[in-house]
Every structure is written in structure tokens, then in C-alpha cells.
Amino acid sequence: MADNEQFGKPRQVEHFFTFKNKNDAEAAVAELRSLNFEAEVTKRGLFKTLVYASHVSDLQDESVTAFLTTLVGVAERHSGIYDGFGAFTEE
């Protein structure tokens, strides 16, 4: 990681979830959209359904804590697992 990374600069942040039940995944997508995330079911398999969500945020500690708390809560309310997030770093 670069020493001059600008964590306060807004950027697209991508989030990933796994659900065992397609209906739970679709309910989570609806909730995520109501929270102003772009969200969609990306894969429906025999044993799991994957959900992708994104939004624009900075990566300051407070912002990351807030969106992680929100997204883990969405996953738990819909019997899913929050798999994590990714974002490009900028110098």
C-alpha cells in the first residue's frame, strides 16, 4: 500500500455476499437497494446464491465501520454471509 493513499477520497466500493436461499438473496438485494446501494444477484447455483452490491464511499475508519455494520446486518437479517469488500486505491 502506498504511503500517500488518500483514504478520504470517495471511490466505488464493491461488496460480496453468499446466501443459501435464492429468496433470501433477493430480499437482501431489495434491502440494499433501499439503502441506496446498487445491488444484484450475480449467480444462482444449486447450493448458494451470490450477491454483489456497490456504492461510493471513502475508506476512512468511521466510514468503513459504518458500512460494515450495515452490510453485516443485512446479511444476518436474510440468513446470508457478508464475504467482504474491495476498492481500488489511488495515489
N, C-alpha and C. Protein backbone atom coordinates (compact mmCIF):
# COMPACT_ATOMS: atom_id res chain seq x y z
N MET A 1 0.85 -1.17 0.00
CA MET A 1 0.00 0.00 0.00
C MET A 1 0.90 1.23 0.00
N ALA A 2 0.54 2.19 -0.79
CA ALA A 2 1.31 3.42 -0.90
C ALA A 2 1.15 4.27 0.35
N ASP A 3 2.23 4.95 0.71
CA ASP A 3 2.19 5.81 1.89
C ASP A 3 1.30 7.03 1.68
N ASN A 4 1.07 7.41 0.44
CA ASN A 4 0.30 8.61 0.18
C ASN A 4 -1.13 8.30 -0.27
N GLU A 5 -1.65 7.14 0.05
CA GLU A 5 -3.03 6.77 -0.28
C GLU A 5 -3.98 7.78 0.33
N GLN A 6 -4.97 8.19 -0.44
CA GLN A 6 -5.95 9.19 0.00
C GLN A 6 -7.23 8.47 0.42
N PHE A 7 -7.27 7.98 1.64
CA PHE A 7 -8.43 7.23 2.12
C PHE A 7 -9.68 8.10 2.26
N GLY A 8 -9.51 9.39 2.31
CA GLY A 8 -10.66 10.29 2.41
C GLY A 8 -11.32 10.58 1.08
N LYS A 9 -10.72 10.15 -0.01
CA LYS A 9 -11.27 10.40 -1.34
C LYS A 9 -12.34 9.35 -1.66
N PRO A 10 -13.54 9.79 -2.03
CA PRO A 10 -14.60 8.83 -2.38
C PRO A 10 -14.23 7.99 -3.60
N ARG A 11 -14.64 6.73 -3.56
CA ARG A 11 -14.40 5.81 -4.66
C ARG A 11 -15.47 4.73 -4.64
N GLN A 12 -15.58 3.97 -5.71
CA GLN A 12 -16.53 2.86 -5.78
C GLN A 12 -16.05 1.74 -4.87
N VAL A 13 -16.93 1.27 -3.99
CA VAL A 13 -16.61 0.16 -3.08
C VAL A 13 -17.56 -0.98 -3.43
N GLU A 14 -16.99 -2.17 -3.63
CA GLU A 14 -17.77 -3.34 -4.01
C GLU A 14 -17.88 -4.30 -2.83
N HIS A 15 -19.07 -4.89 -2.68
CA HIS A 15 -19.35 -5.78 -1.56
C HIS A 15 -19.88 -7.12 -2.08
N PHE A 16 -19.59 -8.18 -1.35
CA PHE A 16 -19.93 -9.53 -1.79
C PHE A 16 -20.61 -10.31 -0.67
N PHE A 17 -21.65 -11.04 -1.04
CA PHE A 17 -22.45 -11.81 -0.09
C PHE A 17 -22.71 -13.21 -0.66
N THR A 18 -22.97 -14.16 0.24
CA THR A 18 -23.38 -15.51 -0.14
C THR A 18 -24.63 -15.87 0.65
N PHE A 19 -25.60 -16.45 -0.05
CA PHE A 19 -26.86 -16.90 0.57
C PHE A 19 -27.13 -18.33 0.15
N LYS A 20 -27.71 -19.12 1.04
CA LYS A 20 -28.09 -20.49 0.69
C LYS A 20 -29.42 -20.52 -0.04
N ASN A 21 -30.24 -19.49 0.15
CA ASN A 21 -31.59 -19.47 -0.38
C ASN A 21 -31.76 -18.30 -1.34
N LYS A 22 -32.26 -18.57 -2.53
CA LYS A 22 -32.45 -17.53 -3.56
C LYS A 22 -33.39 -16.44 -3.08
N ASN A 23 -34.46 -16.80 -2.39
CA ASN A 23 -35.42 -15.80 -1.91
C ASN A 23 -34.79 -14.88 -0.87
N ASP A 24 -33.93 -15.43 0.00
CA ASP A 24 -33.22 -14.60 0.97
C ASP A 24 -32.29 -13.62 0.26
N ALA A 25 -31.62 -14.10 -0.79
CA ALA A 25 -30.72 -13.23 -1.55
C ALA A 25 -31.50 -12.10 -2.20
N GLU A 26 -32.63 -12.41 -2.77
CA GLU A 26 -33.43 -11.37 -3.42
C GLU A 26 -33.99 -10.37 -2.41
N ALA A 27 -34.33 -10.83 -1.23
CA ALA A 27 -34.79 -9.92 -0.17
C ALA A 27 -33.65 -9.01 0.28
N ALA A 28 -32.45 -9.56 0.37
CA ALA A 28 -31.28 -8.75 0.74
C ALA A 28 -31.00 -7.69 -0.33
N VAL A 29 -31.12 -8.06 -1.60
CA VAL A 29 -30.92 -7.11 -2.69
C VAL A 29 -31.93 -5.96 -2.57
N ALA A 30 -33.17 -6.29 -2.28
CA ALA A 30 -34.20 -5.25 -2.12
C ALA A 30 -33.84 -4.31 -0.97
N GLU A 31 -33.38 -4.87 0.14
CA GLU A 31 -33.00 -4.03 1.27
C GLU A 31 -31.79 -3.17 0.93
N LEU A 32 -30.80 -3.76 0.27
CA LEU A 32 -29.61 -3.00 -0.12
C LEU A 32 -29.99 -1.83 -1.04
N ARG A 33 -30.87 -2.09 -1.97
CA ARG A 33 -31.32 -1.01 -2.87
C ARG A 33 -32.04 0.09 -2.10
N SER A 34 -32.80 -0.29 -1.08
CA SER A 34 -33.49 0.71 -0.27
C SER A 34 -32.51 1.57 0.53
N LEU A 35 -31.30 1.05 0.73
CA LEU A 35 -30.24 1.78 1.43
C LEU A 35 -29.31 2.52 0.46
N ASN A 36 -29.75 2.61 -0.80
CA ASN A 36 -29.01 3.33 -1.84
C ASN A 36 -27.74 2.65 -2.31
N PHE A 37 -27.70 1.32 -2.20
CA PHE A 37 -26.63 0.54 -2.81
C PHE A 37 -27.13 0.05 -4.16
N GLU A 38 -26.24 -0.03 -5.13
CA GLU A 38 -26.56 -0.77 -6.34
C GLU A 38 -26.37 -2.23 -5.95
N ALA A 39 -27.33 -3.08 -6.27
CA ALA A 39 -27.23 -4.48 -5.84
C ALA A 39 -27.91 -5.39 -6.84
N GLU A 40 -27.36 -6.60 -6.96
CA GLU A 40 -27.95 -7.59 -7.85
C GLU A 40 -27.50 -8.99 -7.45
N VAL A 41 -28.34 -9.95 -7.77
CA VAL A 41 -27.96 -11.35 -7.65
C VAL A 41 -27.07 -11.65 -8.85
N THR A 42 -25.88 -12.15 -8.61
CA THR A 42 -24.94 -12.37 -9.71
C THR A 42 -24.85 -13.83 -10.14
N LYS A 43 -25.21 -14.75 -9.25
CA LYS A 43 -25.12 -16.17 -9.61
C LYS A 43 -26.11 -16.95 -8.77
N ARG A 44 -26.86 -17.79 -9.43
CA ARG A 44 -27.76 -18.70 -8.72
C ARG A 44 -27.25 -20.11 -8.98
N GLY A 45 -26.76 -20.73 -7.94
CA GLY A 45 -26.27 -22.09 -8.07
C GLY A 45 -27.18 -23.05 -7.34
N LEU A 46 -26.81 -24.29 -7.36
CA LEU A 46 -27.60 -25.32 -6.70
C LEU A 46 -27.55 -25.16 -5.18
N PHE A 47 -26.40 -24.75 -4.65
CA PHE A 47 -26.25 -24.70 -3.20
C PHE A 47 -26.03 -23.31 -2.63
N LYS A 48 -25.83 -22.31 -3.51
CA LYS A 48 -25.65 -20.95 -2.99
C LYS A 48 -25.99 -19.92 -4.05
N THR A 49 -26.32 -18.74 -3.58
CA THR A 49 -26.63 -17.60 -4.44
C THR A 49 -25.70 -16.47 -4.04
N LEU A 50 -25.08 -15.85 -5.02
CA LEU A 50 -24.15 -14.76 -4.76
C LEU A 50 -24.80 -13.42 -5.05
N VAL A 51 -24.48 -12.45 -4.21
CA VAL A 51 -24.99 -11.09 -4.37
C VAL A 51 -23.81 -10.13 -4.41
N TYR A 52 -23.91 -9.17 -5.32
CA TYR A 52 -22.93 -8.11 -5.46
C TYR A 52 -23.63 -6.79 -5.17
N ALA A 53 -22.97 -5.93 -4.42
CA ALA A 53 -23.50 -4.60 -4.15
C ALA A 53 -22.36 -3.60 -4.24
N SER A 54 -22.70 -2.37 -4.56
CA SER A 54 -21.67 -1.33 -4.61
C SER A 54 -22.25 0.02 -4.23
N HIS A 55 -21.36 0.89 -3.84
CA HIS A 55 -21.72 2.27 -3.53
C HIS A 55 -20.44 3.09 -3.52
N VAL A 56 -20.58 4.40 -3.46
CA VAL A 56 -19.43 5.29 -3.40
C VAL A 56 -19.22 5.68 -1.94
N SER A 57 -17.99 5.53 -1.50
CA SER A 57 -17.64 5.88 -0.11
C SER A 57 -16.16 6.18 -0.03
N ASP A 58 -15.77 6.89 1.01
CA ASP A 58 -14.35 6.99 1.30
C ASP A 58 -13.98 5.75 2.13
N LEU A 59 -12.71 5.62 2.44
CA LEU A 59 -12.26 4.47 3.22
C LEU A 59 -11.67 4.88 4.57
N GLN A 60 -12.20 5.98 5.12
CA GLN A 60 -11.82 6.39 6.46
C GLN A 60 -12.36 5.37 7.45
N ASP A 61 -11.72 5.24 8.59
CA ASP A 61 -12.13 4.24 9.58
C ASP A 61 -13.61 4.32 9.93
N GLU A 62 -14.12 5.53 10.14
CA GLU A 62 -15.52 5.69 10.54
C GLU A 62 -16.46 5.22 9.43
N SER A 63 -16.14 5.54 8.19
CA SER A 63 -16.98 5.14 7.06
C SER A 63 -16.98 3.63 6.88
N VAL A 64 -15.81 3.02 6.97
CA VAL A 64 -15.71 1.57 6.82
C VAL A 64 -16.47 0.87 7.95
N THR A 65 -16.32 1.34 9.16
CA THR A 65 -17.06 0.75 10.29
C THR A 65 -18.55 0.86 10.07
N ALA A 66 -19.01 2.01 9.59
CA ALA A 66 -20.45 2.21 9.36
C ALA A 66 -20.98 1.29 8.28
N PHE A 67 -20.30 1.22 7.13
CA PHE A 67 -20.86 0.36 6.08
C PHE A 67 -20.71 -1.11 6.41
N LEU A 68 -19.66 -1.50 7.11
CA LEU A 68 -19.55 -2.92 7.52
C LEU A 68 -20.66 -3.30 8.49
N THR A 69 -20.95 -2.43 9.44
CA THR A 69 -22.03 -2.70 10.40
C THR A 69 -23.36 -2.86 9.66
N THR A 70 -23.62 -1.97 8.73
CA THR A 70 -24.86 -2.03 7.94
C THR A 70 -24.94 -3.31 7.13
N LEU A 71 -23.88 -3.62 6.41
CA LEU A 71 -23.91 -4.75 5.48
C LEU A 71 -23.90 -6.10 6.18
N VAL A 72 -23.17 -6.22 7.26
CA VAL A 72 -23.22 -7.47 8.04
C VAL A 72 -24.63 -7.66 8.59
N GLY A 73 -25.26 -6.57 9.02
CA GLY A 73 -26.64 -6.64 9.50
C GLY A 73 -27.60 -7.10 8.42
N VAL A 74 -27.46 -6.57 7.20
CA VAL A 74 -28.31 -7.01 6.09
C VAL A 74 -28.12 -8.50 5.85
N ALA A 75 -26.90 -8.95 5.80
CA ALA A 75 -26.63 -10.38 5.57
C ALA A 75 -27.27 -11.23 6.67
N GLU A 76 -27.08 -10.84 7.91
CA GLU A 76 -27.63 -11.62 9.02
C GLU A 76 -29.15 -11.64 9.02
N ARG A 77 -29.79 -10.52 8.69
CA ARG A 77 -31.26 -10.47 8.66
C ARG A 77 -31.84 -11.39 7.58
N HIS A 78 -31.04 -11.70 6.57
CA HIS A 78 -31.53 -12.51 5.46
C HIS A 78 -30.81 -13.86 5.38
N SER A 79 -30.26 -14.30 6.51
CA SER A 79 -29.61 -15.62 6.62
C SER A 79 -28.47 -15.81 5.64
N GLY A 80 -27.72 -14.74 5.40
CA GLY A 80 -26.59 -14.82 4.49
C GLY A 80 -25.28 -14.54 5.19
N ILE A 81 -24.24 -14.51 4.38
CA ILE A 81 -22.89 -14.23 4.87
C ILE A 81 -22.33 -13.05 4.09
N TYR A 82 -21.80 -12.07 4.80
CA TYR A 82 -21.10 -10.97 4.15
C TYR A 82 -19.68 -11.44 3.90
N ASP A 83 -19.27 -11.49 2.63
CA ASP A 83 -17.95 -12.04 2.28
C ASP A 83 -16.85 -11.00 2.22
N GLY A 84 -17.19 -9.72 2.28
CA GLY A 84 -16.14 -8.70 2.29
C GLY A 84 -16.33 -7.65 1.22
N PHE A 85 -15.33 -6.76 1.13
CA PHE A 85 -15.40 -5.66 0.18
C PHE A 85 -14.06 -5.44 -0.49
N GLY A 86 -14.11 -4.71 -1.57
CA GLY A 86 -12.91 -4.33 -2.29
C GLY A 86 -13.08 -2.95 -2.88
N ALA A 87 -11.96 -2.25 -3.02
CA ALA A 87 -11.97 -0.92 -3.63
C ALA A 87 -10.58 -0.65 -4.18
N PHE A 88 -10.53 0.08 -5.28
CA PHE A 88 -9.24 0.45 -5.82
C PHE A 88 -8.61 1.54 -4.96
N THR A 89 -7.32 1.47 -4.79
CA THR A 89 -6.60 2.52 -4.08
C THR A 89 -6.08 3.51 -5.11
N GLU A 90 -5.91 4.72 -4.69
CA GLU A 90 -5.43 5.77 -5.57
C GLU A 90 -4.28 6.49 -4.91
N GLU A 91 -3.34 6.92 -5.72
CA GLU A 91 -2.21 7.68 -5.19
C GLU A 91 -2.32 9.13 -5.57
